[in-house]
Structure formats: C-alpha cells, structure tokens
N, C-alpha and C. Protein backbone atom coordinates (compact mmCIF):
# COMPACT_ATOMS: atom_id res chain seq x y z
N MET A 1 46.76 58.32 -45.61
CA MET A 1 45.82 57.52 -44.85
C MET A 1 45.83 56.10 -45.40
N PHE A 2 45.62 55.14 -44.55
CA PHE A 2 45.63 53.75 -44.98
C PHE A 2 44.23 53.14 -44.88
N ASP A 3 44.01 52.14 -45.70
CA ASP A 3 42.73 51.43 -45.69
C ASP A 3 42.91 50.08 -45.03
N ILE A 4 42.00 49.74 -44.14
CA ILE A 4 42.00 48.43 -43.50
C ILE A 4 41.22 47.48 -44.39
N GLU A 5 41.74 46.29 -44.57
CA GLU A 5 41.05 45.27 -45.36
C GLU A 5 40.02 44.58 -44.49
N TYR A 6 38.77 44.89 -44.69
CA TYR A 6 37.68 44.29 -43.94
C TYR A 6 37.13 43.08 -44.68
N THR A 7 36.60 42.13 -43.93
CA THR A 7 35.88 40.99 -44.50
C THR A 7 34.39 41.32 -44.44
N VAL A 8 33.72 41.21 -45.57
CA VAL A 8 32.29 41.54 -45.63
C VAL A 8 31.48 40.35 -45.13
N ILE A 9 30.62 40.60 -44.16
CA ILE A 9 29.74 39.58 -43.60
C ILE A 9 28.40 39.58 -44.33
N GLU A 10 27.85 40.78 -44.54
CA GLU A 10 26.52 40.90 -45.16
C GLU A 10 26.35 42.30 -45.73
N GLU A 11 25.54 42.41 -46.78
CA GLU A 11 25.24 43.72 -47.38
C GLU A 11 23.74 43.89 -47.50
N ILE A 12 23.29 45.15 -47.37
CA ILE A 12 21.88 45.49 -47.60
C ILE A 12 21.81 46.79 -48.38
N SER A 13 20.68 47.00 -49.02
CA SER A 13 20.41 48.25 -49.73
C SER A 13 19.05 48.76 -49.31
N ILE A 14 18.99 50.05 -49.06
CA ILE A 14 17.73 50.72 -48.75
C ILE A 14 17.64 51.86 -49.75
N GLY A 15 16.86 51.65 -50.81
CA GLY A 15 16.84 52.62 -51.89
C GLY A 15 18.20 52.67 -52.55
N ASN A 16 18.78 53.86 -52.64
CA ASN A 16 20.12 54.03 -53.20
C ASN A 16 21.21 53.92 -52.15
N THR A 17 20.84 53.69 -50.90
CA THR A 17 21.80 53.61 -49.81
C THR A 17 22.29 52.18 -49.67
N LYS A 18 23.61 52.00 -49.74
CA LYS A 18 24.22 50.68 -49.60
C LYS A 18 24.99 50.62 -48.29
N MET A 19 24.75 49.56 -47.54
CA MET A 19 25.42 49.37 -46.26
C MET A 19 25.95 47.95 -46.19
N ARG A 20 27.00 47.78 -45.39
CA ARG A 20 27.51 46.42 -45.20
C ARG A 20 28.07 46.26 -43.80
N LEU A 21 27.92 45.04 -43.31
CA LEU A 21 28.48 44.63 -42.02
C LEU A 21 29.83 44.00 -42.31
N VAL A 22 30.87 44.50 -41.64
CA VAL A 22 32.22 44.01 -41.89
C VAL A 22 32.92 43.67 -40.59
N VAL A 23 34.01 42.90 -40.72
CA VAL A 23 34.85 42.58 -39.58
C VAL A 23 36.31 42.84 -39.99
N SER A 24 37.05 43.44 -39.07
CA SER A 24 38.46 43.77 -39.33
C SER A 24 39.33 42.54 -39.09
N PRO A 25 40.58 42.57 -39.52
CA PRO A 25 41.48 41.44 -39.26
C PRO A 25 41.65 41.16 -37.76
N LYS A 26 41.43 42.16 -36.92
CA LYS A 26 41.53 41.97 -35.47
C LYS A 26 40.23 41.48 -34.85
N GLY A 27 39.18 41.32 -35.68
CA GLY A 27 37.90 40.80 -35.20
C GLY A 27 36.90 41.85 -34.77
N HIS A 28 37.18 43.12 -35.02
CA HIS A 28 36.25 44.19 -34.65
C HIS A 28 35.22 44.39 -35.76
N GLN A 29 33.96 44.46 -35.37
CA GLN A 29 32.89 44.66 -36.35
C GLN A 29 32.62 46.14 -36.55
N ALA A 30 32.11 46.47 -37.74
CA ALA A 30 31.73 47.84 -38.06
C ALA A 30 30.65 47.80 -39.13
N ILE A 31 29.92 48.89 -39.26
CA ILE A 31 28.96 49.06 -40.35
C ILE A 31 29.55 50.13 -41.26
N GLN A 32 29.59 49.80 -42.55
CA GLN A 32 30.10 50.75 -43.53
C GLN A 32 28.98 51.21 -44.44
N LEU A 33 29.12 52.44 -44.92
CA LEU A 33 28.15 53.07 -45.80
C LEU A 33 28.87 53.47 -47.08
N TRP A 34 28.29 53.14 -48.25
CA TRP A 34 28.91 53.48 -49.51
C TRP A 34 28.70 54.95 -49.83
N SER A 35 29.77 55.61 -50.22
CA SER A 35 29.70 57.01 -50.63
C SER A 35 30.00 57.10 -52.12
N SER A 36 29.00 57.47 -52.91
CA SER A 36 29.23 57.63 -54.34
C SER A 36 30.03 58.89 -54.62
N LEU A 37 30.02 59.84 -53.69
CA LEU A 37 30.79 61.07 -53.85
C LEU A 37 32.29 60.79 -53.81
N SER A 38 32.72 60.01 -52.80
CA SER A 38 34.14 59.68 -52.68
C SER A 38 34.47 58.33 -53.32
N ASP A 39 33.42 57.62 -53.78
CA ASP A 39 33.58 56.33 -54.44
C ASP A 39 34.33 55.33 -53.57
N ARG A 40 33.87 55.25 -52.30
CA ARG A 40 34.51 54.33 -51.35
C ARG A 40 33.56 54.01 -50.19
N TRP A 41 33.90 52.97 -49.45
CA TRP A 41 33.15 52.60 -48.26
C TRP A 41 33.72 53.39 -47.08
N ASN A 42 32.82 53.96 -46.27
CA ASN A 42 33.22 54.70 -45.07
C ASN A 42 32.57 54.07 -43.85
N VAL A 43 33.29 54.07 -42.74
CA VAL A 43 32.76 53.50 -41.50
C VAL A 43 31.66 54.40 -40.97
N MET A 44 30.49 53.80 -40.77
CA MET A 44 29.34 54.53 -40.26
C MET A 44 29.30 54.45 -38.73
N THR A 45 29.55 53.25 -38.20
CA THR A 45 29.55 53.08 -36.74
C THR A 45 30.39 51.88 -36.34
N LYS A 46 30.97 51.98 -35.16
CA LYS A 46 31.74 50.88 -34.58
C LYS A 46 31.17 50.49 -33.21
N SER A 47 30.17 51.21 -32.76
CA SER A 47 29.58 50.91 -31.45
C SER A 47 28.19 50.31 -31.62
N LYS A 48 27.85 49.40 -30.74
CA LYS A 48 26.56 48.70 -30.77
C LYS A 48 26.27 48.19 -32.19
N VAL A 49 27.26 47.56 -32.79
CA VAL A 49 27.17 47.14 -34.19
C VAL A 49 26.06 46.13 -34.40
N GLU A 50 26.00 45.09 -33.58
CA GLU A 50 24.97 44.05 -33.77
C GLU A 50 23.57 44.64 -33.68
N GLU A 51 23.34 45.45 -32.67
CA GLU A 51 22.03 46.08 -32.47
C GLU A 51 21.68 47.00 -33.64
N SER A 52 22.63 47.82 -34.06
CA SER A 52 22.40 48.74 -35.18
C SER A 52 22.15 47.98 -36.47
N TRP A 53 22.97 46.95 -36.72
CA TRP A 53 22.83 46.20 -37.97
C TRP A 53 21.47 45.51 -38.04
N ASN A 54 21.05 44.90 -36.94
CA ASN A 54 19.75 44.23 -36.92
C ASN A 54 18.61 45.22 -37.18
N SER A 55 18.74 46.43 -36.65
CA SER A 55 17.74 47.46 -36.88
C SER A 55 17.69 47.88 -38.35
N TRP A 56 18.85 48.12 -38.96
CA TRP A 56 18.91 48.50 -40.37
C TRP A 56 18.41 47.36 -41.26
N LYS A 57 18.77 46.14 -40.91
CA LYS A 57 18.35 44.97 -41.70
C LYS A 57 16.83 44.81 -41.65
N LEU A 58 16.25 44.98 -40.48
CA LEU A 58 14.80 44.89 -40.32
C LEU A 58 14.10 45.96 -41.15
N LEU A 59 14.62 47.18 -41.11
CA LEU A 59 14.06 48.27 -41.90
C LEU A 59 14.14 47.94 -43.40
N SER A 60 15.26 47.42 -43.83
CA SER A 60 15.45 47.05 -45.22
C SER A 60 14.42 45.98 -45.65
N GLU A 61 14.22 44.97 -44.81
CA GLU A 61 13.26 43.91 -45.10
C GLU A 61 11.84 44.45 -45.17
N ARG A 62 11.50 45.36 -44.26
CA ARG A 62 10.15 45.95 -44.27
C ARG A 62 9.90 46.76 -45.54
N ILE A 63 10.88 47.54 -45.93
CA ILE A 63 10.74 48.36 -47.14
C ILE A 63 10.62 47.46 -48.36
N GLU A 64 11.45 46.42 -48.41
CA GLU A 64 11.40 45.50 -49.55
C GLU A 64 10.06 44.78 -49.62
N LYS A 65 9.53 44.38 -48.46
CA LYS A 65 8.27 43.65 -48.40
C LYS A 65 7.09 44.54 -48.84
N ASN A 66 7.13 45.81 -48.40
CA ASN A 66 6.02 46.73 -48.66
C ASN A 66 6.19 47.52 -49.96
N GLY A 67 7.33 47.33 -50.61
CA GLY A 67 7.56 47.94 -51.92
C GLY A 67 7.66 49.40 -51.87
C-alpha cells in the first residue's frame, strides 16, 4: 500500500483525539484521524469535508472554552 503526501491545512484536538484537515497533491480535501494503535494518520472522511471540518472545529472550540 502506498501513502499519499498530504499538505496539512489545520489541526485540532478533542481530548486525546487528534484530527487534521489536509489537501492532496491533486487538490482533494480530506479529514484525517490519528491512530495511536497503528501510529499513523488515517482518512476519516472525503465527503462534505468543509461542513464536517467546521462542525468538528466548533465542537473543539466549545470544549476548550468550557474546559
């Protein structure tokens, strides 16, 4: 299996969960989720990326604000 070199746009953490918004060399966006089990980033979703990312980012900000 091969790994695509993604460019990281933004990263967030929700507790121990790490997520990042990335773009592929062809310009396709995806959300990746860190797996400590496999010690690598895995693609979480490739559809409705902007909408999903904004939702996760808002949740992250709310949790951070409310401690």
